[in-house]
């Protein structure tokens, strides 16, 4: 403004309209002539205000917290939905399993003598005797657990993190439970899983996946004396099944447009990442039982190690259960190659 008022041209124009320094009413509303300040503009130009600079309007731009949390994801668990689930209040469950069954039932004629001596024409009327044996089976309750450390400040200042931790621990337990029911080796606190149970059946690979799986159904019906309720495949193996084609390159199972229920030879199919690639399981899944002693629980304590004096806590997820096949022969492992 000072550069403009000191300019000779501006002074001359102003004096012409206001000789005594006051602009009369008749002159108000006039526009001054254009004045060339000859580079003086650099003395009064302002910096550009921009939202991209934290030293400018950007200092007032605050990110919006949506509250959305997206976890990494988990492999789905399926076995608990297939099998029988019961409860127990003991650390050891027992059940009775039939071991042998001798069926001697036969048509029997009526006796015609009081005392049978094996003379010609005599009929003893004696009924055939059958036999059966049993065994008592015990399944101990095992513990599955996992814990994570956290500071009290983190739990207090970030309320959402506690819910996230609790869910992660529960998912860890569910994942390991399914792994144990399939693959536990029976050592220590491990279940004796399906893959390591004595008495299950085996269908060896023969010419192709489809003939082998069909033979497995018959094997289970004849030697397992039961009707199968579901297949369990590793996802990679069932992909191979669904991609099978005939000699004219037509998919056996409807191809990519098939939206019907997933079945193989009329039997429902489920997929589990805990089934080893290269084999599938077929069975009457009601003959596998999980006994819940303590469903998944979450507890918090600062009594671990020196956590109390460090303002830390241990968050523990734990469950207790027993698992067993009440009839091992109701399950058959099917080789796929």
Protein backbone atom coordinates (compact mmCIF):
# COMPACT_ATOMS: atom_id res chain seq x y z
CA UNK A 1 0.00 0.00 0.00
CA UNK A 2 2.89 2.42 0.81
CA UNK A 3 4.40 1.94 -2.66
CA UNK A 4 1.08 2.95 -4.24
CA UNK A 5 0.58 6.11 -2.11
CA UNK A 6 4.13 7.33 -2.77
CA UNK A 7 3.89 6.94 -6.55
CA UNK A 8 4.04 10.42 -8.30
CA UNK A 9 1.32 9.53 -10.82
CA UNK A 10 -1.02 8.42 -8.05
CA UNK A 11 -0.30 11.59 -6.02
CA UNK A 12 -1.07 13.82 -9.02
CA UNK A 13 -4.36 12.02 -9.70
CA UNK A 14 -5.42 12.16 -6.06
CA UNK A 15 -4.60 15.91 -5.79
CA UNK A 16 -6.72 16.58 -8.88
CA UNK A 17 -9.85 15.10 -7.31
CA UNK A 18 -9.18 16.11 -3.70
CA UNK A 19 -7.26 19.41 -3.61
CA UNK A 20 -7.84 19.83 0.10
CA UNK A 21 -7.25 16.13 0.93
CA UNK A 22 -10.97 15.27 1.10
CA UNK A 23 -12.84 13.56 -1.74
CA UNK A 24 -16.13 15.38 -2.36
CA UNK A 25 -19.35 13.39 -2.65
CA UNK A 26 -19.52 14.19 -6.34
CA UNK A 27 -16.19 12.41 -6.91
CA UNK A 28 -16.85 9.26 -4.88
CA UNK A 29 -16.95 6.01 -6.82
CA UNK A 30 -14.15 7.01 -9.17
CA UNK A 31 -11.50 4.49 -10.22
CA UNK A 32 -7.84 5.47 -10.11
CA UNK A 33 -5.73 5.15 -13.22
CA UNK A 34 -3.45 2.15 -13.65
CA UNK A 35 -0.22 2.70 -11.77
CA UNK A 36 2.99 0.84 -12.71
CA UNK A 37 4.91 0.10 -9.50
CA UNK A 38 7.97 -1.09 -11.50
CA UNK A 39 8.70 -4.33 -9.62
CA UNK A 40 7.46 -3.13 -6.28
CA UNK A 41 4.85 -5.94 -6.20
CA UNK A 42 7.47 -8.27 -4.74
CA UNK A 43 7.30 -6.21 -1.59
CA UNK A 44 3.72 -7.16 -0.75
CA UNK A 45 2.89 -10.53 -2.53
CA UNK A 46 1.51 -13.29 -0.15
CA UNK A 47 2.48 -17.04 -0.19
CA UNK A 48 -0.08 -19.48 -1.66
CA UNK A 49 -2.24 -21.19 0.99
CA UNK A 50 -2.32 -24.92 0.16
CA UNK A 51 -3.73 -28.03 1.81
CA UNK A 52 -0.71 -30.06 0.70
CA UNK A 53 1.66 -28.30 3.10
CA UNK A 54 1.62 -28.99 6.85
CA UNK A 55 2.90 -25.43 7.32
CA UNK A 56 -0.20 -24.09 5.57
CA UNK A 57 -3.81 -25.30 5.46
CA UNK A 58 -2.57 -28.90 5.62
CA UNK A 59 -2.08 -28.45 9.35
CA UNK A 60 -5.86 -28.42 9.70
CA UNK A 61 -6.51 -31.55 7.59
CA UNK A 62 -7.20 -34.46 9.97
CA UNK A 63 -7.54 -38.11 8.72
CA UNK A 64 -10.90 -39.77 9.34
CA UNK A 65 -10.67 -42.97 11.42
CA UNK A 66 -13.30 -45.32 9.96
CA UNK A 67 -12.99 -47.84 12.78
CA UNK A 68 -12.66 -50.64 10.21
CA UNK A 69 -10.35 -53.54 11.11
CA UNK A 70 -9.63 -56.29 8.59
CA UNK A 71 -7.90 -59.40 10.01
CA UNK A 72 -5.54 -61.55 7.98
CA UNK A 73 -8.12 -64.34 7.69
CA UNK A 74 -8.31 -67.98 8.74
CA UNK A 75 -8.73 -71.34 7.10
CA UNK A 76 -12.32 -72.43 7.77
CA UNK A 77 -12.84 -75.28 10.24
CA UNK A 78 -15.45 -77.92 9.39
CA UNK A 79 -14.95 -81.07 11.44
CA UNK A 80 -16.75 -79.96 14.58
CA UNK A 81 -19.89 -79.44 12.48
CA UNK A 82 -19.71 -83.01 11.14
CA UNK A 83 -19.06 -85.05 14.26
CA UNK A 84 -21.00 -85.72 17.45
CA UNK A 85 -20.32 -83.19 20.22
CA UNK A 86 -21.09 -84.04 23.84
CA UNK A 87 -20.18 -82.69 27.27
CA UNK A 88 -18.31 -84.27 30.14
CA UNK A 89 -17.68 -83.27 33.75
CA UNK A 90 -14.73 -85.65 34.17
CA UNK A 91 -11.11 -85.69 33.04
CA UNK A 92 -11.56 -89.20 31.61
CA UNK A 93 -14.39 -90.49 29.44
CA UNK A 94 -15.17 -94.16 28.87
CA UNK A 95 -17.36 -96.02 26.42
CA UNK A 96 -17.92 -99.63 25.42
CA UNK A 97 -17.09 -100.83 21.93
CA UNK A 98 -18.16 -104.15 20.43
CA UNK A 99 -15.12 -106.07 19.21
CA UNK A 100 -16.54 -109.27 17.68
CA UNK A 101 -19.95 -110.39 16.54
CA UNK A 102 -20.71 -114.00 15.67
CA UNK A 103 -24.12 -114.43 14.06
CA UNK A 104 -25.30 -118.06 14.22
CA UNK A 105 -28.98 -117.34 13.73
CA UNK A 106 -30.67 -120.09 11.69
CA UNK A 107 -34.11 -121.62 11.19
CA UNK A 108 -34.71 -124.24 13.90
CA UNK A 109 -37.14 -127.16 13.83
CA UNK A 110 -39.29 -128.01 16.81
CA UNK A 111 -37.99 -130.78 19.13
CA UNK A 112 -39.75 -134.15 18.81
CA UNK A 113 -38.09 -136.01 21.68
CA UNK A 114 -37.63 -135.32 25.38
CA UNK A 115 -34.02 -136.41 25.40
CA UNK A 116 -32.07 -136.10 22.19
CA UNK A 117 -29.82 -139.12 21.46
CA UNK A 118 -29.07 -138.48 17.79
CA UNK A 119 -31.10 -141.44 16.65
CA UNK A 120 -32.47 -141.26 13.15
CA UNK A 121 -35.56 -139.11 12.97
CA UNK A 122 -34.93 -137.34 16.25
CA UNK A 123 -35.01 -133.55 16.24
CA UNK A 124 -33.31 -131.86 19.19
CA UNK A 125 -34.82 -128.44 18.64
CA UNK A 126 -31.59 -126.91 20.01
CA UNK A 127 -31.14 -123.29 19.11
CA UNK A 128 -27.80 -122.08 17.67
CA UNK A 129 -25.59 -120.08 20.03
CA UNK A 130 -24.20 -116.72 18.99
CA UNK A 131 -21.27 -114.82 20.49
CA UNK A 132 -19.99 -111.31 20.92
CA UNK A 133 -17.19 -109.60 22.79
CA UNK A 134 -16.68 -106.05 24.00
CA UNK A 135 -13.96 -103.73 25.19
CA UNK A 136 -13.97 -100.67 27.39
CA UNK A 137 -12.22 -97.68 25.83
CA UNK A 138 -10.91 -94.65 27.69
CA UNK A 139 -10.23 -91.23 26.22
CA UNK A 140 -8.44 -88.70 28.48
CA UNK A 141 -9.34 -85.04 28.41
CA UNK A 142 -6.56 -82.95 26.86
CA UNK A 143 -5.82 -79.22 27.14
CA UNK A 144 -5.30 -76.89 24.18
CA UNK A 145 -4.07 -73.41 25.12
CA UNK A 146 -2.35 -70.28 23.80
CA UNK A 147 -1.50 -66.89 25.34
CA UNK A 148 -0.21 -63.48 24.34
CA UNK A 149 1.37 -60.67 26.42
CA UNK A 150 0.01 -57.13 26.40
CA UNK A 151 0.58 -53.94 28.35
CA UNK A 152 -2.19 -52.57 30.55
CA UNK A 153 -1.79 -49.24 28.78
CA UNK A 154 -2.47 -50.82 25.39
CA UNK A 155 -5.64 -52.47 26.66
CA UNK A 156 -6.78 -49.25 28.33
CA UNK A 157 -5.96 -46.81 25.52
CA UNK A 158 -7.05 -48.98 22.57
CA UNK A 159 -10.33 -50.56 23.59
CA UNK A 160 -10.74 -52.40 20.28
CA UNK A 161 -7.53 -54.39 20.74
CA UNK A 162 -8.94 -56.51 23.57
CA UNK A 163 -11.77 -57.79 21.40
CA UNK A 164 -9.32 -58.49 18.58
CA UNK A 165 -7.00 -60.45 20.89
CA UNK A 166 -9.88 -62.49 22.34
CA UNK A 167 -11.13 -63.46 18.88
CA UNK A 168 -7.65 -64.34 17.64
CA UNK A 169 -7.09 -66.64 20.61
CA UNK A 170 -10.45 -68.36 20.10
CA UNK A 171 -9.66 -68.85 16.42
CA UNK A 172 -6.23 -70.27 17.33
CA UNK A 173 -7.90 -72.83 19.60
CA UNK A 174 -10.50 -73.82 16.98
CA UNK A 175 -7.80 -74.25 14.34
CA UNK A 176 -5.62 -76.42 16.55
CA UNK A 177 -8.63 -78.46 17.68
CA UNK A 178 -9.39 -79.40 14.08
CA UNK A 179 -5.73 -80.21 13.48
CA UNK A 180 -5.67 -82.47 16.55
CA UNK A 181 -8.84 -84.31 15.55
CA UNK A 182 -7.32 -85.11 12.16
CA UNK A 183 -3.60 -85.43 12.88
CA UNK A 184 -2.96 -85.75 16.62
CA UNK A 185 -0.38 -88.47 17.33
CA UNK A 186 -1.63 -89.43 20.79
CA UNK A 187 1.66 -88.49 22.48
CA UNK A 188 1.48 -86.36 25.63
CA UNK A 189 -1.35 -83.86 25.44
CA UNK A 190 -2.09 -84.64 21.79
CA UNK A 191 -5.34 -86.30 20.75
CA UNK A 192 -5.18 -89.54 18.84
CA UNK A 193 -6.47 -88.08 15.61
CA UNK A 194 -8.27 -89.74 12.75
CA UNK A 195 -5.10 -90.31 10.72
CA UNK A 196 -3.46 -92.19 13.62
CA UNK A 197 -6.40 -94.23 14.93
CA UNK A 198 -6.07 -98.01 14.80
CA UNK A 199 -8.88 -99.88 13.07
CA UNK A 200 -9.78 -97.43 10.31
CA UNK A 201 -10.09 -98.76 6.76
CA UNK A 202 -7.96 -98.00 3.70
CA UNK A 203 -8.86 -97.83 0.03
CA UNK A 204 -5.78 -97.98 -2.17
CA UNK A 205 -5.61 -96.01 -5.40
CA UNK A 206 -6.83 -97.95 -8.43
CA UNK A 207 -6.72 -96.63 -12.04
CA UNK A 208 -8.22 -93.22 -11.24
CA UNK A 209 -9.80 -90.98 -8.63
CA UNK A 210 -13.39 -91.73 -9.59
CA UNK A 211 -13.11 -95.54 -9.54
CA UNK A 212 -11.13 -95.38 -6.29
CA UNK A 213 -13.65 -93.19 -4.51
CA UNK A 214 -16.55 -95.36 -5.66
CA UNK A 215 -14.82 -98.50 -4.42
CA UNK A 216 -14.26 -96.77 -1.07
CA UNK A 217 -18.02 -96.39 -0.62
CA UNK A 218 -18.52 -100.12 -1.08
CA UNK A 219 -15.57 -100.91 1.18
CA UNK A 220 -17.05 -98.79 3.95
CA UNK A 221 -20.49 -100.34 3.60
CA UNK A 222 -19.18 -103.91 3.57
CA UNK A 223 -16.31 -103.79 6.06
CA UNK A 224 -17.37 -100.79 8.12
CA UNK A 225 -21.02 -101.83 8.20
CA UNK A 226 -22.18 -98.24 7.97
CA UNK A 227 -23.42 -95.66 5.51
CA UNK A 228 -21.13 -92.69 4.83
CA UNK A 229 -22.37 -89.20 5.64
CA UNK A 230 -19.63 -87.02 4.10
CA UNK A 231 -16.30 -86.83 2.33
CA UNK A 232 -13.52 -84.61 3.65
CA UNK A 233 -10.95 -83.48 1.07
CA UNK A 234 -7.97 -81.18 1.11
CA UNK A 235 -8.99 -78.21 -1.11
CA UNK A 236 -6.15 -78.88 -3.55
CA UNK A 237 -7.30 -82.47 -4.05
CA UNK A 238 -10.93 -81.57 -4.52
CA UNK A 239 -9.91 -79.03 -7.13
CA UNK A 240 -8.42 -81.96 -9.04
CA UNK A 241 -11.71 -83.85 -8.73
CA UNK A 242 -13.81 -80.95 -10.00
CA UNK A 243 -11.50 -80.42 -12.97
CA UNK A 244 -11.85 -84.02 -14.20
CA UNK A 245 -13.07 -84.19 -17.81
CA UNK A 246 -14.31 -86.87 -20.18
CA UNK A 247 -12.81 -87.65 -23.59
CA UNK A 248 -14.70 -84.71 -25.09
CA UNK A 249 -13.29 -82.23 -22.53
CA UNK A 250 -16.60 -81.96 -20.69
CA UNK A 251 -16.42 -81.56 -16.93
CA UNK A 252 -17.90 -84.47 -15.01
CA UNK A 253 -19.15 -82.18 -12.27
CA UNK A 254 -20.80 -79.42 -14.26
CA UNK A 255 -17.84 -77.13 -14.76
CA UNK A 256 -17.59 -73.50 -13.67
CA UNK A 257 -21.34 -72.84 -14.07
CA UNK A 258 -22.39 -75.56 -11.64
CA UNK A 259 -24.06 -73.96 -8.62
CA UNK A 260 -25.55 -77.05 -6.99
CA UNK A 261 -24.47 -78.68 -3.72
CA UNK A 262 -20.98 -80.16 -3.66
CA UNK A 263 -21.29 -83.95 -3.86
CA UNK A 264 -19.25 -86.92 -5.01
CA UNK A 265 -21.13 -90.12 -5.83
CA UNK A 266 -24.16 -88.54 -4.14
CA UNK A 267 -22.34 -87.95 -0.83
CA UNK A 268 -21.72 -84.38 0.47
CA UNK A 269 -18.17 -83.04 0.24
CA UNK A 270 -16.50 -80.65 2.68
CA UNK A 271 -12.95 -79.32 2.52
CA UNK A 272 -10.38 -78.98 5.29
CA UNK A 273 -6.83 -77.69 5.09
CA UNK A 274 -5.90 -80.12 7.87
CA UNK A 275 -6.39 -83.19 5.66
CA UNK A 276 -3.06 -84.16 4.12
CA UNK A 277 -2.86 -83.72 0.36
CA UNK A 278 -3.01 -86.99 -1.55
CA UNK A 279 -5.76 -88.64 0.46
CA UNK A 280 -9.36 -88.03 1.46
CA UNK A 281 -11.55 -89.37 4.25
CA UNK A 282 -14.99 -90.91 3.93
CA UNK A 283 -17.01 -91.88 6.96
CA UNK A 284 -20.06 -91.89 9.10
CA UNK A 285 -19.02 -88.84 11.05
CA UNK A 286 -21.50 -89.39 13.86
CA UNK A 287 -19.12 -92.16 14.99
CA UNK A 288 -16.48 -89.55 15.89
CA UNK A 289 -17.17 -87.83 19.20
CA UNK A 290 -15.77 -84.70 20.83
CA UNK A 291 -16.42 -84.42 24.56
CA UNK A 292 -16.26 -80.80 25.74
CA UNK A 293 -14.85 -80.52 29.26
CA UNK A 294 -14.26 -76.77 29.07
CA UNK A 295 -15.22 -74.76 26.04
CA UNK A 296 -12.88 -71.99 24.93
CA UNK A 297 -12.39 -69.40 27.68
CA UNK A 298 -10.30 -66.23 27.86
CA UNK A 299 -8.67 -65.10 31.12
CA UNK A 300 -6.32 -62.24 32.01
CA UNK A 301 -3.67 -62.12 34.75
CA UNK A 302 -0.64 -60.04 35.76
CA UNK A 303 0.79 -62.81 37.95
CA UNK A 304 2.98 -64.25 35.20
CA UNK A 305 6.73 -63.75 35.75
CA UNK A 306 7.44 -60.06 36.52
CA UNK A 307 4.40 -58.77 34.64
CA UNK A 308 2.93 -57.10 37.76
CA UNK A 309 5.80 -54.64 38.19
CA UNK A 310 5.98 -54.01 34.44
CA UNK A 311 2.28 -53.20 34.03
CA UNK A 312 1.80 -56.17 31.71
CA UNK A 313 -0.77 -58.94 31.56
CA UNK A 314 -0.97 -62.41 30.05
CA UNK A 315 -4.16 -63.06 28.06
CA UNK A 316 -4.79 -66.80 28.01
CA UNK A 317 -7.10 -68.78 25.74
CA UNK A 318 -7.77 -72.34 26.85
CA UNK A 319 -10.08 -75.26 26.17
CA UNK A 320 -10.25 -78.87 27.37
CA UNK A 321 -11.76 -81.79 25.50
CA UNK A 322 -11.49 -85.48 24.69
CA UNK A 323 -11.81 -87.04 21.24
CA UNK A 324 -12.38 -90.56 20.04
CA UNK A 325 -13.73 -92.77 17.26
CA UNK A 326 -16.35 -94.96 18.87
CA UNK A 327 -16.24 -97.13 15.74
CA UNK A 328 -12.94 -96.74 13.85
CA UNK A 329 -14.11 -98.96 10.98
CA UNK A 330 -16.76 -96.36 10.16
CA UNK A 331 -13.98 -94.30 8.54
CA UNK A 332 -11.89 -95.03 5.48
CA UNK A 333 -8.82 -93.25 4.16
CA UNK A 334 -8.89 -93.01 0.37
CA UNK A 335 -5.66 -92.72 -1.61
CA UNK A 336 -6.01 -90.29 -4.51
CA UNK A 337 -2.85 -91.12 -6.43
